[in-house]
Every structure is written in structure tokens, then in C-alpha cells.
PDB file of N, CA and C in Angstrom:
ATOM      1  N   UNK A   1      33.637 -10.853  10.932  1.00  0.00           N
ATOM      2  CA  UNK A   1      33.896 -10.983  10.039  1.00  0.00           C
ATOM      3  C   UNK A   1      34.515 -12.809   9.907  1.00  0.00           C
ATOM      4  N   UNK A   2      34.341 -13.795   9.511  1.00  0.00           N
ATOM      5  CA  UNK A   2      35.094 -14.867   9.470  1.00  0.00           C
ATOM      6  C   UNK A   2      35.947 -15.338   8.827  1.00  0.00           C
ATOM      7  N   UNK A   3      36.689 -15.714   9.009  1.00  0.00           N
ATOM      8  CA  UNK A   3      38.488 -15.988   7.947  1.00  0.00           C
ATOM      9  C   UNK A   3      38.079 -16.022   6.780  1.00  0.00           C
ATOM     10  N   UNK A   4      37.362 -17.180   6.675  1.00  0.00           N
ATOM     11  CA  UNK A   4      36.584 -17.487   4.697  1.00  0.00           C
ATOM     12  C   UNK A   4      36.386 -16.489   4.317  1.00  0.00           C
ATOM     13  N   UNK A   5      35.500 -15.001   5.214  1.00  0.00           N
ATOM     14  CA  UNK A   5      35.254 -13.652   4.066  1.00  0.00           C
ATOM     15  C   UNK A   5      36.785 -13.097   4.212  1.00  0.00           C
ATOM     16  N   UNK A   6      37.374 -12.788   5.213  1.00  0.00           N
ATOM     17  CA  UNK A   6      38.598 -12.300   5.202  1.00  0.00           C
ATOM     18  C   UNK A   6      39.575 -12.819   4.258  1.00  0.00           C
ATOM     19  N   UNK A   7      39.984 -14.082   4.145  1.00  0.00           N
ATOM     20  CA  UNK A   7      40.665 -14.759   2.743  1.00  0.00           C
ATOM     21  C   UNK A   7      39.998 -14.082   1.665  1.00  0.00           C
ATOM     22  N   UNK A   8      38.857 -14.608   1.510  1.00  0.00           N
ATOM     23  CA  UNK A   8      38.410 -13.960  -0.005  1.00  0.00           C
ATOM     24  C   UNK A   8      38.126 -12.571  -0.243  1.00  0.00           C
ATOM     25  N   UNK A   9      38.124 -11.883   0.745  1.00  0.00           N
ATOM     26  CA  UNK A   9      38.455 -10.311   0.319  1.00  0.00           C
ATOM     27  C   UNK A   9      39.490  -9.961   0.268  1.00  0.00           C
ATOM     28  N   UNK A  10      40.827 -10.733   0.882  1.00  0.00           N
ATOM     29  CA  UNK A  10      42.230 -10.650   0.587  1.00  0.00           C
ATOM     30  C   UNK A  10      42.395 -11.200  -1.299  1.00  0.00           C
ATOM     31  N   UNK A  11      42.196 -12.324  -1.627  1.00  0.00           N
ATOM     32  CA  UNK A  11      42.380 -12.789  -2.942  1.00  0.00           C
ATOM     33  C   UNK A  11      41.904 -11.783  -3.380  1.00  0.00           C
ATOM     34  N   UNK A  12      40.547 -11.312  -3.628  1.00  0.00           N
ATOM     35  CA  UNK A  12      40.343 -10.348  -4.530  1.00  0.00           C
ATOM     36  C   UNK A  12      40.559  -9.015  -4.566  1.00  0.00           C
ATOM     37  N   UNK A  13      41.267  -8.441  -3.202  1.00  0.00           N
ATOM     38  CA  UNK A  13      42.330  -7.544  -3.404  1.00  0.00           C
ATOM     39  C   UNK A  13      43.689  -7.767  -4.098  1.00  0.00           C
ATOM     40  N   UNK A  14      44.174  -8.733  -4.361  1.00  0.00           N
ATOM     41  CA  UNK A  14      45.274  -8.949  -4.857  1.00  0.00           C
ATOM     42  C   UNK A  14      44.831  -9.210  -6.513  1.00  0.00           C
ATOM     43  N   UNK A  15      43.568  -9.969  -6.897  1.00  0.00           N
ATOM     44  CA  UNK A  15      43.333 -10.027  -8.281  1.00  0.00           C
ATOM     45  C   UNK A  15      42.969  -8.595  -8.414  1.00  0.00           C
ATOM     46  N   UNK A  16      42.584  -7.648  -7.866  1.00  0.00           N
ATOM     47  CA  UNK A  16      41.619  -6.225  -8.521  1.00  0.00           C
ATOM     48  C   UNK A  16      43.246  -5.774  -8.775  1.00  0.00           C
ATOM     49  N   UNK A  17      43.649  -5.610  -8.021  1.00  0.00           N
ATOM     50  CA  UNK A  17      45.434  -4.727  -7.527  1.00  0.00           C
ATOM     51  C   UNK A  17      46.347  -5.498  -8.114  1.00  0.00           C
ATOM     52  N   UNK A  18      46.586  -6.385  -8.503  1.00  0.00           N
ATOM     53  CA  UNK A  18      47.694  -6.797  -8.990  1.00  0.00           C
ATOM     54  C   UNK A  18      48.287  -7.139  -7.860  1.00  0.00           C
ATOM     55  N   UNK A  19      49.834  -7.945  -8.077  1.00  0.00           N
ATOM     56  CA  UNK A  19      50.607  -8.785  -7.312  1.00  0.00           C
ATOM     57  C   UNK A  19      51.529  -7.260  -7.021  1.00  0.00           C
ATOM     58  N   UNK A  20      52.196  -6.564  -8.114  1.00  0.00           N
ATOM     59  CA  UNK A  20      52.902  -5.542  -7.647  1.00  0.00           C
ATOM     60  C   UNK A  20      52.109  -4.399  -7.038  1.00  0.00           C
ATOM     61  N   UNK A  21      50.893  -3.918  -7.394  1.00  0.00           N
ATOM     62  CA  UNK A  21      50.184  -3.562  -6.189  1.00  0.00           C
ATOM     63  C   UNK A  21      50.175  -3.522  -5.001  1.00  0.00           C
ATOM     64  N   UNK A  22      50.043  -4.541  -4.905  1.00  0.00           N
ATOM     65  CA  UNK A  22      49.546  -4.780  -3.415  1.00  0.00           C
ATOM     66  C   UNK A  22      51.013  -5.079  -2.769  1.00  0.00           C
ATOM     67  N   UNK A  23      52.165  -5.701  -3.583  1.00  0.00           N
ATOM     68  CA  UNK A  23      53.522  -5.648  -2.684  1.00  0.00           C
ATOM     69  C   UNK A  23      53.749  -4.084  -2.002  1.00  0.00           C
ATOM     70  N   UNK A  24      53.694  -2.938  -3.522  1.00  0.00           N
ATOM     71  CA  UNK A  24      54.223  -1.511  -2.501  1.00  0.00           C
ATOM     72  C   UNK A  24      53.049  -1.228  -1.828  1.00  0.00           C
ATOM     73  N   UNK A  25      51.821  -1.380  -1.891  1.00  0.00           N
ATOM     74  CA  UNK A  25      50.686  -1.338  -0.902  1.00  0.00           C
ATOM     75  C   UNK A  25      51.328  -1.792   0.499  1.00  0.00           C
ATOM     76  N   UNK A  26      51.689  -2.864   0.526  1.00  0.00           N
ATOM     77  CA  UNK A  26      52.265  -3.529   1.874  1.00  0.00           C
ATOM     78  C   UNK A  26      53.316  -2.676   2.371  1.00  0.00           C
ATOM     79  N   UNK A  27      53.826  -2.129   1.304  1.00  0.00           N
ATOM     80  CA  UNK A  27      55.663  -1.485   1.817  1.00  0.00           C
ATOM     81  C   UNK A  27      55.154  -0.269   2.184  1.00  0.00           C
ATOM     82  N   UNK A  28      54.345   0.434   1.745  1.00  0.00           N
ATOM     83  CA  UNK A  28      53.631   1.780   2.194  1.00  0.00           C
ATOM     84  C   UNK A  28      52.925   1.631   3.404  1.00  0.00           C
ATOM     85  N   UNK A  29      51.965   0.404   4.282  1.00  0.00           N
ATOM     86  CA  UNK A  29      51.156   0.152   5.226  1.00  0.00           C
ATOM     87  C   UNK A  29      52.557  -0.141   6.087  1.00  0.00           C
ATOM     88  N   UNK A  30      53.625  -0.720   6.014  1.00  0.00           N
ATOM     89  CA  UNK A  30      54.677  -1.149   6.962  1.00  0.00           C
ATOM     90  C   UNK A  30      55.658   0.031   6.917  1.00  0.00           C
ATOM     91  N   UNK A  31      55.795   1.166   6.114  1.00  0.00           N
ATOM     92  CA  UNK A  31      56.132   2.069   6.370  1.00  0.00           C
ATOM     93  C   UNK A  31      55.527   3.273   7.406  1.00  0.00           C
ATOM     94  N   UNK A  32      54.434   3.262   7.174  1.00  0.00           N
ATOM     95  CA  UNK A  32      53.227   4.226   8.078  1.00  0.00           C
ATOM     96  C   UNK A  32      53.572   3.557   9.486  1.00  0.00           C
ATOM     97  N   UNK A  33      53.297   2.159   9.575  1.00  0.00           N
ATOM     98  CA  UNK A  33      53.269   1.637  11.169  1.00  0.00           C
ATOM     99  C   UNK A  33      54.856   2.137  11.349  1.00  0.00           C
ATOM    100  N   UNK A  34      55.856   1.767  10.571  1.00  0.00           N
ATOM    101  CA  UNK A  34      57.117   2.431  11.565  1.00  0.00           C
ATOM    102  C   UNK A  34      57.063   3.851  11.940  1.00  0.00           C
ATOM    103  N   UNK A  35      56.940   4.430  11.509  1.00  0.00           N
ATOM    104  CA  UNK A  35      56.170   6.141  11.329  1.00  0.00           C
ATOM    105  C   UNK A  35      55.601   6.061  12.577  1.00  0.00           C
ATOM    106  N   UNK A  36      54.358   5.593  12.584  1.00  0.00           N
ATOM    107  CA  UNK A  36      53.617   5.601  14.034  1.00  0.00           C
ATOM    108  C   UNK A  36      54.311   5.279  15.691  1.00  0.00           C
ATOM    109  N   UNK A  37      55.038   4.134  15.199  1.00  0.00           N
ATOM    110  CA  UNK A  37      55.858   3.732  16.397  1.00  0.00           C
ATOM    111  C   UNK A  37      57.128   4.682  16.435  1.00  0.00           C
ATOM    112  N   UNK A  38      57.632   5.274  15.725  1.00  0.00           N
ATOM    113  CA  UNK A  38      58.940   6.026  16.024  1.00  0.00           C
ATOM    114  C   UNK A  38      58.856   6.794  17.326  1.00  0.00           C
ATOM    115  N   UNK A  39      57.968   7.381  17.509  1.00  0.00           N
ATOM    116  CA  UNK A  39      57.641   8.097  18.847  1.00  0.00           C
ATOM    117  C   UNK A  39      58.366   7.143  19.996  1.00  0.00           C
ATOM    118  N   UNK A  40      57.940   6.190  20.411  1.00  0.00           N
ATOM    119  CA  UNK A  40      58.104   5.127  21.171  1.00  0.00           C
ATOM    120  C   UNK A  40      59.239   4.611  21.270  1.00  0.00           C
ATOM    121  N   UNK A  41      59.924   5.123  20.105  1.00  0.00           N
ATOM    122  CA  UNK A  41      61.696   4.362  20.085  1.00  0.00           C
ATOM    123  C   UNK A  41      62.318   4.677  21.520  1.00  0.00           C
ATOM    124  N   UNK A  42      62.187   3.472  21.998  1.00  0.00           N
ATOM    125  CA  UNK A  42      62.917   4.230  23.953  1.00  0.00           C
ATOM    126  C   UNK A  42      62.140   5.078  24.548  1.00  0.00           C
ATOM    127  N   UNK A  43      61.241   5.169  24.056  1.00  0.00           N
ATOM    128  CA  UNK A  43      60.640   6.279  25.259  1.00  0.00           C
ATOM    129  C   UNK A  43      59.142   5.630  25.967  1.00  0.00           C
ATOM    130  N   UNK A  44      58.288   6.414  26.206  1.00  0.00           N
ATOM    131  CA  UNK A  44      57.082   5.982  26.881  1.00  0.00           C
ATOM    132  C   UNK A  44      55.736   5.846  26.205  1.00  0.00           C
ATOM    133  N   UNK A  45      55.409   4.889  26.544  1.00  0.00           N
ATOM    134  CA  UNK A  45      54.426   4.856  25.289  1.00  0.00           C
ATOM    135  C   UNK A  45      52.853   5.108  25.754  1.00  0.00           C
ATOM    136  N   UNK A  46      53.077   5.458  27.188  1.00  0.00           N
ATOM    137  CA  UNK A  46      51.704   6.374  27.659  1.00  0.00           C
ATOM    138  C   UNK A  46      51.754   7.732  27.219  1.00  0.00           C
ATOM    139  N   UNK A  47      52.862   8.072  26.774  1.00  0.00           N
ATOM    140  CA  UNK A  47      53.006   9.432  25.941  1.00  0.00           C
ATOM    141  C   UNK A  47      52.732   9.641  24.795  1.00  0.00           C
ATOM    142  N   UNK A  48      52.327   8.750  23.912  1.00  0.00           N
ATOM    143  CA  UNK A  48      51.787   8.845  22.540  1.00  0.00           C
ATOM    144  C   UNK A  48      50.441   8.152  22.565  1.00  0.00           C
ATOM    145  N   UNK A  49      49.910   8.558  21.459  1.00  0.00           N
ATOM    146  CA  UNK A  49      48.210   7.895  21.052  1.00  0.00           C
ATOM    147  C   UNK A  49      48.553   6.721  20.686  1.00  0.00           C
ATOM    148  N   UNK A  50      47.805   5.430  21.058  1.00  0.00           N
ATOM    149  CA  UNK A  50      47.680   4.053  20.293  1.00  0.00           C
ATOM    150  C   UNK A  50      46.699   3.837  19.364  1.00  0.00           C
ATOM    151  N   UNK A  51      46.088   4.934  19.635  1.00  0.00           N
ATOM    152  CA  UNK A  51      45.035   4.005  18.633  1.00  0.00           C
ATOM    153  C   UNK A  51      45.674   4.331  16.967  1.00  0.00           C
ATOM    154  N   UNK A  52      46.827   5.213  16.871  1.00  0.00           N
ATOM    155  CA  UNK A  52      47.146   5.418  15.477  1.00  0.00           C
ATOM    156  C   UNK A  52      47.944   4.193  15.021  1.00  0.00           C
ATOM    157  N   UNK A  53      48.961   3.472  16.258  1.00  0.00           N
ATOM    158  CA  UNK A  53      49.414   2.426  16.063  1.00  0.00           C
ATOM    159  C   UNK A  53      48.488   0.983  15.911  1.00  0.00           C
ATOM    160  N   UNK A  54      47.212   0.704  16.189  1.00  0.00           N
ATOM    161  CA  UNK A  54      46.897  -0.034  16.179  1.00  0.00           C
ATOM    162  C   UNK A  54      46.334   0.093  14.864  1.00  0.00           C
ATOM    163  N   UNK A  55      45.943   1.007  14.357  1.00  0.00           N
ATOM    164  CA  UNK A  55      45.305   1.328  12.914  1.00  0.00           C
ATOM    165  C   UNK A  55      46.145   0.935  12.345  1.00  0.00           C
ATOM    166  N   UNK A  56      47.646   1.102  12.037  1.00  0.00           N
ATOM    167  CA  UNK A  56      48.528   0.944  11.194  1.00  0.00           C
ATOM    168  C   UNK A  56      48.999  -0.678  11.287  1.00  0.00           C
ATOM    169  N   UNK A  57      49.344  -1.216  12.661  1.00  0.00           N
ATOM    170  CA  UNK A  57      49.019  -2.779  12.752  1.00  0.00           C
ATOM    171  C   UNK A  57      48.190  -3.532  12.037  1.00  0.00           C
ATOM    172  N   UNK A  58      46.472  -3.003  12.325  1.00  0.00           N
ATOM    173  CA  UNK A  58      45.405  -3.705  11.572  1.00  0.00           C
ATOM    174  C   UNK A  58      45.987  -3.738   9.782  1.00  0.00           C
ATOM    175  N   UNK A  59      46.273  -2.506   9.295  1.00  0.00           N
ATOM    176  CA  UNK A  59      46.624  -1.896   8.193  1.00  0.00           C
ATOM    177  C   UNK A  59      47.897  -3.181   7.425  1.00  0.00           C
ATOM    178  N   UNK A  60      48.964  -3.300   8.539  1.00  0.00           N
ATOM    179  CA  UNK A  60      50.075  -3.985   7.938  1.00  0.00           C
ATOM    180  C   UNK A  60      49.661  -5.708   8.425  1.00  0.00           C
ATOM    181  N   UNK A  61      48.556  -6.170   9.497  1.00  0.00           N
ATOM    182  CA  UNK A  61      48.576  -7.616   9.093  1.00  0.00           C
ATOM    183  C   UNK A  61      47.622  -7.861   7.884  1.00  0.00           C
ATOM    184  N   UNK A  62      46.687  -6.995   7.855  1.00  0.00           N
ATOM    185  CA  UNK A  62      45.947  -7.244   6.170  1.00  0.00           C
ATOM    186  C   UNK A  62      47.150  -7.140   4.820  1.00  0.00           C
ATOM    187  N   UNK A  63      47.608  -6.567   5.122  1.00  0.00           N
ATOM    188  CA  UNK A  63      48.770  -6.900   3.913  1.00  0.00           C
ATOM    189  C   UNK A  63      49.780  -7.745   3.897  1.00  0.00           C
ATOM    190  N   UNK A  64      49.944  -8.210   5.195  1.00  0.00           N
ATOM    191  CA  UNK A  64      50.643  -9.300   5.569  1.00  0.00           C
ATOM    192  C   UNK A  64      50.091 -10.856   5.288  1.00  0.00           C
ATOM    193  N   UNK A  65      48.543 -10.847   5.281  1.00  0.00           N
ATOM    194  CA  UNK A  65      47.704 -11.752   4.991  1.00  0.00           C
ATOM    195  C   UNK A  65      47.630 -12.273   3.283  1.00  0.00           C
ATOM    196  N   UNK A  66      47.828 -10.860   2.600  1.00  0.00           N
ATOM    197  CA  UNK A  66      48.263 -11.164   1.336  1.00  0.00           C
ATOM    198  C   UNK A  66      49.560 -11.419   0.686  1.00  0.00           C
ATOM    199  N   UNK A  67      50.511 -10.800   1.337  1.00  0.00           N
ATOM    200  CA  UNK A  67      51.816 -11.482   1.103  1.00  0.00           C
ATOM    201  C   UNK A  67      51.683 -12.942   1.252  1.00  0.00           C
ATOM    202  N   UNK A  68      51.310 -13.333   2.587  1.00  0.00           N
ATOM    203  CA  UNK A  68      51.604 -14.494   2.445  1.00  0.00           C
ATOM    204  C   UNK A  68      50.779 -15.624   1.437  1.00  0.00           C
ATOM    205  N   UNK A  69      49.301 -15.010   0.741  1.00  0.00           N
ATOM    206  CA  UNK A  69      49.302 -16.055  -0.164  1.00  0.00           C
ATOM    207  C   UNK A  69      50.124 -15.627  -1.460  1.00  0.00           C
ATOM    208  N   UNK A  70      50.369 -14.401  -1.779  1.00  0.00           N
ATOM    209  CA  UNK A  70      51.155 -14.110  -2.870  1.00  0.00           C
ATOM    210  C   UNK A  70      52.884 -15.190  -2.715  1.00  0.00           C
ATOM    211  N   UNK A  71      53.036 -15.375  -1.505  1.00  0.00           N
ATOM    212  CA  UNK A  71      54.384 -15.997  -1.396  1.00  0.00           C
ATOM    213  C   UNK A  71      54.442 -17.198  -1.016  1.00  0.00           C
ATOM    214  N   UNK A  72      52.846 -17.626  -0.960  1.00  0.00           N
ATOM    215  CA  UNK A  72      53.039 -19.183  -0.329  1.00  0.00           C
ATOM    216  C   UNK A  72      53.019 -19.528   1.077  1.00  0.00           C
ATOM    217  N   UNK A  73      51.370 -19.544   1.565  1.00  0.00           N
ATOM    218  CA  UNK A  73      51.238 -20.100   2.827  1.00  0.00           C
ATOM    219  C   UNK A  73      51.808 -20.705   3.867  1.00  0.00           C
ATOM    220  N   UNK A  74      52.070 -21.857   3.317  1.00  0.00           N
ATOM    221  CA  UNK A  74      53.192 -22.904   3.618  1.00  0.00           C
ATOM    222  C   UNK A  74      54.475 -22.700   3.609  1.00  0.00           C
ATOM    223  N   UNK A  75      54.706 -22.063   3.109  1.00  0.00           N
ATOM    224  CA  UNK A  75      56.360 -21.749   3.125  1.00  0.00           C
ATOM    225  C   UNK A  75      56.733 -20.347   3.657  1.00  0.00           C
ATOM    226  N   UNK A  76      55.840 -19.655   4.214  1.00  0.00           N
ATOM    227  CA  UNK A  76      55.701 -18.791   5.203  1.00  0.00           C
ATOM    228  C   UNK A  76      55.603 -19.427   6.844  1.00  0.00           C
ATOM    229  N   UNK A  77      54.592 -20.276   6.803  1.00  0.00           N
ATOM    230  CA  UNK A  77      54.164 -21.170   7.910  1.00  0.00           C
ATOM    231  C   UNK A  77      55.621 -21.760   8.629  1.00  0.00           C
ATOM    232  N   UNK A  78      56.028 -22.390   7.524  1.00  0.00           N
ATOM    233  CA  UNK A  78      57.224 -23.297   7.661  1.00  0.00           C
ATOM    234  C   UNK A  78      58.570 -22.600   8.314  1.00  0.00           C
ATOM    235  N   UNK A  79      58.484 -21.538   7.960  1.00  0.00           N
ATOM    236  CA  UNK A  79      59.951 -20.221   8.415  1.00  0.00           C
ATOM    237  C   UNK A  79      59.655 -19.642   9.298  1.00  0.00           C
ATOM    238  N   UNK A  80      58.160 -19.444   9.536  1.00  0.00           N
ATOM    239  CA  UNK A  80      57.790 -18.832  11.113  1.00  0.00           C
ATOM    240  C   UNK A  80      58.286 -19.759  12.215  1.00  0.00           C
ATOM    241  N   UNK A  81      57.588 -20.844  12.016  1.00  0.00           N
ATOM    242  CA  UNK A  81      58.334 -21.839  13.099  1.00  0.00           C
ATOM    243  C   UNK A  81      59.563 -22.314  13.122  1.00  0.00           C
ATOM    244  N   UNK A  82      60.414 -22.055  11.864  1.00  0.00           N
ATOM    245  CA  UNK A  82      61.715 -22.238  12.456  1.00  0.00           C
ATOM    246  C   UNK A  82      61.925 -21.291  13.159  1.00  0.00           C
ATOM    247  N   UNK A  83      61.423 -20.044  13.272  1.00  0.00           N
ATOM    248  CA  UNK A  83      62.222 -18.706  13.439  1.00  0.00           C
ATOM    249  C   UNK A  83      62.045 -18.400  14.989  1.00  0.00           C
ATOM    250  N   UNK A  84      60.406 -19.058  14.955  1.00  0.00           N
ATOM    251  CA  UNK A  84      60.248 -19.205  16.606  1.00  0.00           C
ATOM    252  C   UNK A  84      60.622 -20.079  17.396  1.00  0.00           C
ATOM    253  N   UNK A  85      60.919 -21.167  16.918  1.00  0.00           N
ATOM    254  CA  UNK A  85      61.899 -22.056  17.456  1.00  0.00           C
ATOM    255  C   UNK A  85      63.328 -21.240  17.922  1.00  0.00           C
ATOM    256  N   UNK A  86      63.739 -20.617  16.929  1.00  0.00           N
ATOM    257  CA  UNK A  86      65.171 -20.109  16.955  1.00  0.00           C
ATOM    258  C   UNK A  86      65.288 -19.004  18.087  1.00  0.00           C
ATOM    259  N   UNK A  87      63.862 -18.005  18.137  1.00  0.00           N
ATOM    260  CA  UNK A  87      64.290 -17.198  19.382  1.00  0.00           C
ATOM    261  C   UNK A  87      63.758 -18.034  20.410  1.00  0.00           C
ATOM    262  N   UNK A  88      62.900 -18.711  20.945  1.00  0.00           N
ATOM    263  CA  UNK A  88      62.930 -19.805  22.109  1.00  0.00           C
ATOM    264  C   UNK A  88      64.454 -20.101  22.184  1.00  0.00           C
ATOM    265  N   UNK A  89      65.354 -20.643  21.463  1.00  0.00           N
ATOM    266  CA  UNK A  89      66.135 -21.127  21.862  1.00  0.00           C
ATOM    267  C   UNK A  89      66.773 -20.035  22.435  1.00  0.00           C
ATOM    268  N   UNK A  90      67.156 -18.983  21.701  1.00  0.00           N
ATOM    269  CA  UNK A  90      68.329 -17.982  21.825  1.00  0.00           C
ATOM    270  C   UNK A  90      67.669 -17.400  23.126  1.00  0.00           C
ATOM    271  N   UNK A  91      66.585 -17.246  23.667  1.00  0.00           N
ATOM    272  CA  UNK A  91      66.354 -16.803  24.912  1.00  0.00           C
ATOM    273  C   UNK A  91      66.583 -17.649  26.079  1.00  0.00           C
ATOM    274  N   UNK A  92      66.437 -18.684  25.756  1.00  0.00           N
ATOM    275  CA  UNK A  92      66.458 -20.093  26.649  1.00  0.00           C
ATOM    276  C   UNK A  92      68.082 -20.253  27.133  1.00  0.00           C
ATOM    277  N   UNK A  93      68.726 -19.737  26.060  1.00  0.00           N
ATOM    278  CA  UNK A  93      70.377 -19.472  26.316  1.00  0.00           C
ATOM    279  C   UNK A  93      71.099 -18.369  26.692  1.00  0.00           C
ATOM    280  N   UNK A  94      70.229 -17.304  26.646  1.00  0.00           N
ATOM    281  CA  UNK A  94      70.635 -15.892  27.353  1.00  0.00           C
ATOM    282  C   UNK A  94      69.668 -16.090  28.744  1.00  0.00           C
ATOM    283  N   UNK A  95      69.187 -16.729  29.035  1.00  0.00           N
ATOM    284  CA  UNK A  95      68.354 -16.794  30.205  1.00  0.00           C
ATOM    285  C   UNK A  95      69.729 -17.705  31.345  1.00  0.00           C
ATOM    286  N   UNK A  96      70.103 -18.571  30.752  1.00  0.00           N
ATOM    287  CA  UNK A  96      70.872 -19.737  31.041  1.00  0.00           C
ATOM    288  C   UNK A  96      72.474 -19.016  31.440  1.00  0.00           C
ATOM    289  N   UNK A  97      72.586 -17.728  30.406  1.00  0.00           N
ATOM    290  CA  UNK A  97      73.802 -17.138  30.756  1.00  0.00           C
ATOM    291  C   UNK A  97      73.483 -16.205  31.979  1.00  0.00           C
ATOM    292  N   UNK A  98      72.716 -16.125  32.098  1.00  0.00           N
ATOM    293  CA  UNK A  98      72.590 -14.824  33.238  1.00  0.00           C
ATOM    294  C   UNK A  98      72.166 -15.583  34.218  1.00  0.00           C
ATOM    295  N   UNK A  99      72.105 -16.947  34.410  1.00  0.00           N
ATOM    296  CA  UNK A  99      71.992 -16.815  35.979  1.00  0.00           C
ATOM    297  C   UNK A  99      73.255 -17.214  36.768  1.00  0.00           C
TER     298      UNK A  99
END
């Protein structure tokens, strides 16, 4: 499925279910991902099935696309750039300090 189709379906979902409905759905999907990841918390990933985790990541990713559309794709993109740069700088600092 191409990006244009994905975008169209996400926009249709926002129109169909409404912003409040999709924000609520996003919270539900994030909660389900957290629950799927909880057995891994500090444990061994090979001990749990990753199929459910992958499914939940896909659900959250779809909802995140919709949240970006709702709250402003440009705004989200700019904040992501800022936060990625901050992460890079933090890791560089930590690496220098550990040498």
C-alpha cells in the first residue's frame, strides 16, 4: 500500500470516528503496546513471542500517523528533529565522559 493510500485511510478514520475517538483509540493502542512489552522489561526478549509486540507496534504507528495529522505534521516533525538532535548530543557527551 502506498503512502498516499495510507494517508487517505488515516484521514478518513479521523473523519469517521472523530478526533476524540481517535485520541481515545491511540491511548488504548499505546496501553496495549506497553502491556505487550512488559514481560521484556529487564528480561530476555527470546523468552516472549514478538508477534504480539510487532502487531501492537503497527497499531500504535497507525495511530501516531493520525495524531500527527490531528496535531500538526510540521509541528511534530520539527519537535522530532529537536529531540533527535538532543539525543545525539546526550549520547556524544556520555561517550566522552566514559572515555
